[in-house]
Protein backbone atom coordinates (compact mmCIF):
# COMPACT_ATOMS: atom_id res chain seq x y z
CA MET A 1 19.68 -20.20 27.84
CA THR A 2 15.99 -20.79 28.32
CA ILE A 3 13.99 -22.97 30.64
CA LEU A 4 11.39 -25.12 28.89
CA GLY A 5 12.08 -23.10 25.76
CA ILE A 6 10.08 -20.17 27.11
CA LEU A 7 11.73 -18.33 30.00
CA GLY A 8 15.26 -17.03 30.16
CA PRO A 9 17.08 -15.65 33.19
CA VAL A 10 15.86 -12.10 32.60
CA GLU A 11 12.24 -13.20 32.49
CA LEU A 12 12.65 -15.28 35.66
CA PHE A 13 14.21 -12.28 37.42
CA ILE A 14 11.32 -10.06 36.37
CA ILE A 15 8.72 -12.59 37.47
CA LEU A 16 10.42 -13.18 40.82
CA PHE A 17 11.25 -9.61 41.82
CA VAL A 18 8.47 -7.64 40.14
CA VAL A 19 5.51 -9.97 40.59
CA ILE A 20 6.02 -12.64 43.25
CA LEU A 21 8.04 -10.73 45.86
CA PRO A 22 5.59 -7.80 46.14
CA VAL A 23 2.65 -10.21 46.42
CA ILE A 24 4.38 -12.07 49.26
CA ALA A 25 5.19 -8.76 50.99
CA LEU A 26 1.62 -7.47 50.63
CA ILE A 27 0.14 -10.71 51.99
CA ASP A 28 2.50 -10.55 54.97
CA ILE A 29 1.62 -6.90 55.61
CA VAL A 30 -2.13 -7.49 55.44
CA LYS A 31 -1.97 -10.50 57.79
CA SER A 32 0.19 -8.70 60.38
CA ASP A 33 -0.60 -6.11 63.05
CA PHE A 34 1.26 -2.81 63.14
CA GLU A 35 1.05 0.26 65.36
CA GLY A 36 -0.93 3.23 64.07
CA ASN A 37 -0.89 3.74 60.31
CA ASN A 38 2.24 1.69 59.68
CA LYS A 39 0.27 -0.98 57.80
CA ILE A 40 -1.06 1.56 55.29
CA VAL A 41 2.37 3.12 54.93
CA TRP A 42 4.00 -0.24 54.17
CA VAL A 43 1.31 -1.16 51.63
CA LEU A 44 1.91 2.14 49.84
CA VAL A 45 5.71 1.75 49.97
CA VAL A 46 5.53 -1.75 48.47
CA CYS A 47 3.02 -0.68 45.80
CA PHE A 48 4.79 2.49 44.67
CA PHE A 49 8.44 1.39 45.09
CA ASN A 50 8.04 -2.18 43.95
CA ILE A 51 11.44 -3.88 44.34
CA LEU A 52 12.98 -1.29 46.67
CA GLY A 53 9.80 -1.21 48.77
CA CYS A 54 9.88 -4.98 49.23
CA ILE A 55 13.51 -4.94 50.24
CA LEU A 56 12.86 -2.13 52.73
CA TYR A 57 9.84 -3.96 54.15
CA PHE A 58 11.71 -7.23 54.64
CA ILE A 59 14.66 -5.42 56.28
CA ILE A 60 12.85 -2.75 58.34
CA GLY A 61 9.13 -3.47 58.36
CA LYS A 62 9.28 -7.03 59.67
CA ASN A 63 10.75 -5.66 62.90
CA GLN A 64 7.85 -3.21 63.33
CA LYS A 65 5.21 -5.91 63.65
CA ILE A 66 3.28 -6.17 66.91
CA THR A 67 3.84 -9.54 68.53
CA HIS A 68 1.09 -10.92 70.73
C-alpha cells in the first residue's frame, strides 16, 4: 500500500525514525541547558547512534536538563 502513490510504510518509517526524530532531538538538545559536557555528549550520541540515540535521549536525557 502506498500513500499518494509514492510512499509506502517502510519509507514512512525511515523518514520518521531516521530523519525527523533525530532532528527533533538535536533541536531540543541545542535549545536546552545541561550540566558540564552533557550537551556535547547527547549531540554525539544522537548523531552516531541515530535511532537508539534518540530513544536514549528521550528516555534519559530529558531528565538531565537544568530547569531554571
